[in-house]
Amino acid sequence: MIEIIYQPSPNQYKKLKQRPQLEKSDMEIVIQRVYDGIAEGGDYELKALTKKYDGVEISTIKVPYTEVLSAYQALDADLKIAIEGAKANITNSTEAQISKA
């Protein structure tokens, strides 16, 4: 389950902003295991991974477009900006890790 932390202390914040560091070869092994599992197990494996990493059991993979649109429209403008910022940070971090390879 995902832990939500509101207003972390300076020590908590320092720990939270640390990125996991894996050697490229280790990262490739983990990624390959996920890909292989999904290739072999399809939706069943995706559901298992969701339970393992997110602590959530799901019955279906696909979320209807109308549900996604409705959820997006219900978001506060500041939250939308924060999500876009997080997306940019994740993209930049991922690209930086890939380029170091």
N, C-alpha and C. Protein backbone atom coordinates (compact mmCIF):
# COMPACT_ATOMS: atom_id res chain seq x y z
N MET A 1 0.84 -1.17 0.00
CA MET A 1 0.00 0.00 0.00
C MET A 1 0.89 1.24 0.00
N ILE A 2 0.45 2.27 -0.65
CA ILE A 2 1.21 3.51 -0.74
C ILE A 2 1.01 4.31 0.54
N GLU A 3 2.11 4.74 1.13
CA GLU A 3 2.05 5.57 2.33
C GLU A 3 2.00 7.03 1.91
N ILE A 4 1.05 7.76 2.45
CA ILE A 4 0.93 9.19 2.16
C ILE A 4 1.51 9.96 3.34
N ILE A 5 2.43 10.85 3.05
CA ILE A 5 3.08 11.64 4.10
C ILE A 5 2.80 13.11 3.84
N TYR A 6 2.15 13.74 4.79
CA TYR A 6 1.84 15.16 4.68
C TYR A 6 2.88 15.96 5.46
N GLN A 7 3.37 16.99 4.85
CA GLN A 7 4.34 17.90 5.46
C GLN A 7 5.47 17.15 6.17
N PRO A 8 6.30 16.47 5.39
CA PRO A 8 7.40 15.71 6.01
C PRO A 8 8.41 16.62 6.69
N SER A 9 9.03 16.07 7.72
CA SER A 9 10.10 16.80 8.39
C SER A 9 11.29 16.90 7.44
N PRO A 10 12.25 17.78 7.73
CA PRO A 10 13.43 17.88 6.84
C PRO A 10 14.14 16.53 6.66
N ASN A 11 14.24 15.74 7.73
CA ASN A 11 14.90 14.43 7.60
C ASN A 11 14.08 13.48 6.74
N GLN A 12 12.74 13.48 6.94
CA GLN A 12 11.88 12.63 6.11
C GLN A 12 11.97 13.06 4.65
N TYR A 13 11.96 14.36 4.41
CA TYR A 13 12.00 14.87 3.04
C TYR A 13 13.28 14.44 2.34
N LYS A 14 14.39 14.54 3.05
CA LYS A 14 15.68 14.15 2.47
C LYS A 14 15.65 12.67 2.06
N LYS A 15 15.08 11.84 2.92
CA LYS A 15 14.99 10.42 2.62
C LYS A 15 14.01 10.18 1.46
N LEU A 16 12.89 10.89 1.43
CA LEU A 16 11.88 10.70 0.40
C LEU A 16 12.37 11.07 -0.99
N LYS A 17 13.21 12.09 -1.08
CA LYS A 17 13.63 12.55 -2.40
C LYS A 17 14.80 11.76 -2.98
N GLN A 18 15.35 10.83 -2.19
CA GLN A 18 16.42 9.98 -2.71
C GLN A 18 15.86 9.03 -3.75
N ARG A 19 16.56 8.88 -4.83
CA ARG A 19 16.17 7.97 -5.91
C ARG A 19 16.92 6.65 -5.73
N PRO A 20 16.23 5.55 -5.98
CA PRO A 20 16.94 4.27 -5.89
C PRO A 20 18.04 4.21 -6.96
N GLN A 21 19.14 3.66 -6.59
CA GLN A 21 20.27 3.55 -7.51
C GLN A 21 20.54 2.08 -7.80
N LEU A 22 20.43 1.73 -9.06
CA LEU A 22 20.75 0.38 -9.51
C LEU A 22 21.78 0.47 -10.61
N GLU A 23 22.65 -0.49 -10.61
CA GLU A 23 23.58 -0.60 -11.73
C GLU A 23 22.76 -0.92 -12.97
N LYS A 24 23.25 -0.50 -14.12
CA LYS A 24 22.52 -0.74 -15.36
C LYS A 24 22.20 -2.22 -15.55
N SER A 25 23.16 -3.07 -15.28
CA SER A 25 22.93 -4.51 -15.48
C SER A 25 21.85 -5.02 -14.54
N ASP A 26 21.82 -4.54 -13.27
CA ASP A 26 20.79 -4.94 -12.33
C ASP A 26 19.42 -4.45 -12.78
N MET A 27 19.38 -3.21 -13.26
CA MET A 27 18.12 -2.63 -13.73
C MET A 27 17.59 -3.43 -14.92
N GLU A 28 18.48 -3.80 -15.82
CA GLU A 28 18.06 -4.55 -16.99
C GLU A 28 17.49 -5.91 -16.60
N ILE A 29 18.05 -6.54 -15.58
CA ILE A 29 17.56 -7.83 -15.12
C ILE A 29 16.14 -7.68 -14.57
N VAL A 30 15.93 -6.68 -13.73
CA VAL A 30 14.60 -6.45 -13.15
C VAL A 30 13.58 -6.15 -14.25
N ILE A 31 13.94 -5.28 -15.16
CA ILE A 31 13.02 -4.92 -16.25
C ILE A 31 12.73 -6.13 -17.12
N GLN A 32 13.73 -6.91 -17.43
CA GLN A 32 13.52 -8.10 -18.26
C GLN A 32 12.60 -9.10 -17.59
N ARG A 33 12.72 -9.25 -16.27
CA ARG A 33 11.84 -10.17 -15.54
C ARG A 33 10.38 -9.70 -15.65
N VAL A 34 10.17 -8.39 -15.53
CA VAL A 34 8.81 -7.86 -15.65
C VAL A 34 8.29 -8.10 -17.05
N TYR A 35 9.08 -7.76 -18.06
CA TYR A 35 8.66 -7.97 -19.46
C TYR A 35 8.35 -9.45 -19.72
N ASP A 36 9.24 -10.33 -19.29
CA ASP A 36 9.04 -11.75 -19.52
C ASP A 36 7.77 -12.24 -18.82
N GLY A 37 7.57 -11.79 -17.61
CA GLY A 37 6.38 -12.19 -16.86
C GLY A 37 5.10 -11.76 -17.55
N ILE A 38 5.10 -10.52 -18.06
CA ILE A 38 3.92 -10.02 -18.76
C ILE A 38 3.75 -10.75 -20.09
N ALA A 39 4.84 -11.00 -20.79
CA ALA A 39 4.76 -11.72 -22.07
C ALA A 39 4.16 -13.11 -21.88
N GLU A 40 4.53 -13.75 -20.77
CA GLU A 40 4.04 -15.11 -20.51
C GLU A 40 2.65 -15.11 -19.86
N GLY A 41 2.43 -14.17 -18.94
CA GLY A 41 1.20 -14.21 -18.15
C GLY A 41 0.13 -13.21 -18.53
N GLY A 42 0.46 -12.28 -19.44
CA GLY A 42 -0.52 -11.30 -19.91
C GLY A 42 -1.20 -10.53 -18.80
N ASP A 43 -2.52 -10.37 -18.92
CA ASP A 43 -3.28 -9.61 -17.93
C ASP A 43 -3.17 -10.20 -16.53
N TYR A 44 -3.10 -11.53 -16.44
CA TYR A 44 -2.95 -12.17 -15.14
C TYR A 44 -1.69 -11.65 -14.44
N GLU A 45 -0.59 -11.56 -15.17
CA GLU A 45 0.67 -11.08 -14.59
C GLU A 45 0.58 -9.60 -14.23
N LEU A 46 -0.07 -8.81 -15.08
CA LEU A 46 -0.24 -7.39 -14.76
C LEU A 46 -1.02 -7.22 -13.46
N LYS A 47 -2.05 -8.02 -13.29
CA LYS A 47 -2.84 -7.96 -12.06
C LYS A 47 -2.00 -8.38 -10.85
N ALA A 48 -1.17 -9.41 -11.03
CA ALA A 48 -0.30 -9.88 -9.95
C ALA A 48 0.73 -8.81 -9.57
N LEU A 49 1.29 -8.16 -10.58
CA LEU A 49 2.27 -7.09 -10.31
C LEU A 49 1.61 -5.91 -9.62
N THR A 50 0.39 -5.59 -10.01
CA THR A 50 -0.35 -4.50 -9.36
C THR A 50 -0.57 -4.82 -7.89
N LYS A 51 -0.93 -6.06 -7.61
CA LYS A 51 -1.12 -6.46 -6.22
C LYS A 51 0.21 -6.41 -5.46
N LYS A 52 1.28 -6.90 -6.10
CA LYS A 52 2.59 -6.94 -5.45
C LYS A 52 3.13 -5.55 -5.15
N TYR A 53 3.12 -4.66 -6.14
CA TYR A 53 3.76 -3.36 -5.98
C TYR A 53 2.85 -2.27 -5.45
N ASP A 54 1.54 -2.36 -5.74
CA ASP A 54 0.62 -1.32 -5.31
C ASP A 54 -0.29 -1.77 -4.16
N GLY A 55 -0.29 -3.07 -3.87
CA GLY A 55 -1.13 -3.57 -2.80
C GLY A 55 -2.61 -3.52 -3.13
N VAL A 56 -2.94 -3.57 -4.42
CA VAL A 56 -4.33 -3.45 -4.87
C VAL A 56 -4.68 -4.63 -5.76
N GLU A 57 -5.85 -5.22 -5.50
CA GLU A 57 -6.35 -6.27 -6.38
C GLU A 57 -7.32 -5.63 -7.37
N ILE A 58 -7.06 -5.86 -8.66
CA ILE A 58 -7.93 -5.29 -9.69
C ILE A 58 -8.56 -6.43 -10.49
N SER A 59 -9.77 -6.17 -11.00
CA SER A 59 -10.44 -7.21 -11.77
C SER A 59 -10.26 -7.02 -13.27
N THR A 60 -9.96 -5.79 -13.67
CA THR A 60 -9.77 -5.52 -15.09
C THR A 60 -8.63 -4.52 -15.26
N ILE A 61 -7.98 -4.58 -16.40
CA ILE A 61 -6.84 -3.70 -16.68
C ILE A 61 -7.30 -2.37 -17.27
N LYS A 62 -8.23 -2.42 -18.19
CA LYS A 62 -8.64 -1.24 -18.92
C LYS A 62 -9.60 -0.36 -18.12
N VAL A 63 -9.30 0.92 -18.07
CA VAL A 63 -10.18 1.90 -17.44
C VAL A 63 -10.93 2.61 -18.56
N PRO A 64 -12.26 2.63 -18.50
CA PRO A 64 -13.01 3.28 -19.57
C PRO A 64 -12.62 4.76 -19.74
N TYR A 65 -12.55 5.20 -20.99
CA TYR A 65 -12.16 6.58 -21.30
C TYR A 65 -13.03 7.58 -20.55
N THR A 66 -14.32 7.31 -20.48
CA THR A 66 -15.23 8.26 -19.80
C THR A 66 -14.87 8.41 -18.33
N GLU A 67 -14.41 7.33 -17.71
CA GLU A 67 -14.00 7.39 -16.30
C GLU A 67 -12.71 8.20 -16.14
N VAL A 68 -11.78 8.01 -17.05
CA VAL A 68 -10.53 8.78 -17.01
C VAL A 68 -10.82 10.26 -17.22
N LEU A 69 -11.63 10.59 -18.21
CA LEU A 69 -11.98 11.98 -18.50
C LEU A 69 -12.71 12.62 -17.33
N SER A 70 -13.64 11.91 -16.74
CA SER A 70 -14.38 12.43 -15.59
C SER A 70 -13.45 12.71 -14.42
N ALA A 71 -12.53 11.79 -14.16
CA ALA A 71 -11.57 11.98 -13.06
C ALA A 71 -10.67 13.17 -13.33
N TYR A 72 -10.21 13.31 -14.57
CA TYR A 72 -9.34 14.44 -14.94
C TYR A 72 -10.08 15.77 -14.75
N GLN A 73 -11.31 15.82 -15.18
CA GLN A 73 -12.08 17.06 -15.08
C GLN A 73 -12.37 17.43 -13.63
N ALA A 74 -12.41 16.44 -12.75
CA ALA A 74 -12.70 16.69 -11.34
C ALA A 74 -11.48 17.18 -10.56
N LEU A 75 -10.29 17.09 -11.16
CA LEU A 75 -9.07 17.51 -10.47
C LEU A 75 -9.00 19.02 -10.29
N ASP A 76 -8.46 19.40 -9.16
CA ASP A 76 -8.18 20.80 -8.88
C ASP A 76 -7.07 21.28 -9.82
N ALA A 77 -7.13 22.53 -10.26
CA ALA A 77 -6.14 23.06 -11.20
C ALA A 77 -4.72 22.95 -10.65
N ASP A 78 -4.54 23.23 -9.36
CA ASP A 78 -3.20 23.13 -8.77
C ASP A 78 -2.70 21.69 -8.78
N LEU A 79 -3.61 20.75 -8.57
CA LEU A 79 -3.21 19.34 -8.59
C LEU A 79 -2.81 18.92 -10.00
N LYS A 80 -3.51 19.41 -11.01
CA LYS A 80 -3.15 19.11 -12.40
C LYS A 80 -1.73 19.61 -12.69
N ILE A 81 -1.43 20.81 -12.22
CA ILE A 81 -0.08 21.37 -12.42
C ILE A 81 0.95 20.51 -11.71
N ALA A 82 0.64 20.07 -10.48
CA ALA A 82 1.57 19.22 -9.72
C ALA A 82 1.79 17.89 -10.42
N ILE A 83 0.73 17.31 -10.98
CA ILE A 83 0.86 16.04 -11.69
C ILE A 83 1.72 16.21 -12.93
N GLU A 84 1.50 17.28 -13.67
CA GLU A 84 2.33 17.53 -14.87
C GLU A 84 3.79 17.73 -14.47
N GLY A 85 4.03 18.41 -13.35
CA GLY A 85 5.40 18.59 -12.86
C GLY A 85 6.03 17.26 -12.49
N ALA A 86 5.26 16.40 -11.81
CA ALA A 86 5.76 15.07 -11.43
C ALA A 86 6.07 14.25 -12.68
N LYS A 87 5.19 14.34 -13.68
CA LYS A 87 5.41 13.62 -14.94
C LYS A 87 6.73 14.08 -15.58
N ALA A 88 6.96 15.38 -15.60
CA ALA A 88 8.19 15.91 -16.19
C ALA A 88 9.41 15.42 -15.40
N ASN A 89 9.30 15.40 -14.07
CA ASN A 89 10.42 14.93 -13.24
C ASN A 89 10.72 13.46 -13.50
N ILE A 90 9.68 12.65 -13.61
CA ILE A 90 9.86 11.22 -13.86
C ILE A 90 10.49 11.01 -15.23
N THR A 91 9.99 11.73 -16.22
CA THR A 91 10.53 11.62 -17.57
C THR A 91 12.01 12.02 -17.59
N ASN A 92 12.33 13.15 -16.97
CA ASN A 92 13.72 13.62 -16.94
C ASN A 92 14.62 12.64 -16.21
N SER A 93 14.15 12.11 -15.08
CA SER A 93 14.94 11.16 -14.30
C SER A 93 15.19 9.89 -15.09
N THR A 94 14.15 9.40 -15.75
CA THR A 94 14.28 8.17 -16.54
C THR A 94 15.24 8.38 -17.70
N GLU A 95 15.09 9.50 -18.40
CA GLU A 95 15.98 9.79 -19.52
C GLU A 95 17.42 9.94 -19.07
N ALA A 96 17.63 10.52 -17.88
CA ALA A 96 18.99 10.67 -17.36
C ALA A 96 19.60 9.30 -17.04
N GLN A 97 18.79 8.39 -16.49
CA GLN A 97 19.28 7.05 -16.20
C GLN A 97 19.61 6.29 -17.47
N ILE A 98 18.79 6.46 -18.48
CA ILE A 98 19.02 5.76 -19.75
C ILE A 98 20.27 6.30 -20.43
N SER A 99 20.47 7.60 -20.40
CA SER A 99 21.62 8.17 -21.09
C SER A 99 22.94 7.84 -20.41
N LYS A 100 22.90 7.48 -19.12
CA LYS A 100 24.12 7.09 -18.41
C LYS A 100 24.56 5.68 -18.79
N ALA A 101 23.67 4.96 -19.42
CA ALA A 101 23.94 3.56 -19.74
C ALA A 101 25.02 3.40 -20.77
